[in-house]
């Protein structure tokens, strides 16, 4: 294996790694988006539960309002936690998308280098072939002229 072949093999390995990282980042984005959707659904369920508890408290009047205060306190904490989680997930999604863009650029650069290495190898092979044909032509010429 020559230096150029080793370089080409190394570039192909780097390209494969870059593509694997891009696939992994894509899966991470999909998982984060699913988590964001679940968190958003939890916020909606919480809002519905608060509405139901408020309606039940109105029906029960005085006793219901005392219990509602405790429920609303817990619901407010849970809502704040869910919103913080949703914000964190959104930030992670943006970060992962930035990573994916960087990986795409890296992959394109590596693909370009692999193509250049392949073309250089083809040019080298053509030069070797042309040189061997010239050597063969010279040998035939010498043999013809020796007779």
Foldseek 3Di string as FASTA:
>chain_A
DDPLVVVLVVLVVVLVVLVVVLVVLVVVLVVLVVVLVVLVVVLVVLVVVLVVLVVVLVVVDPVSVVVSVVVVVVSVVVNVVSVVSNVVSVVVSVVSVVVSVVSVVVSVVSVVVSVVSVVVVVVVVVVVVVVVVVVVVVVVVVVVVVD
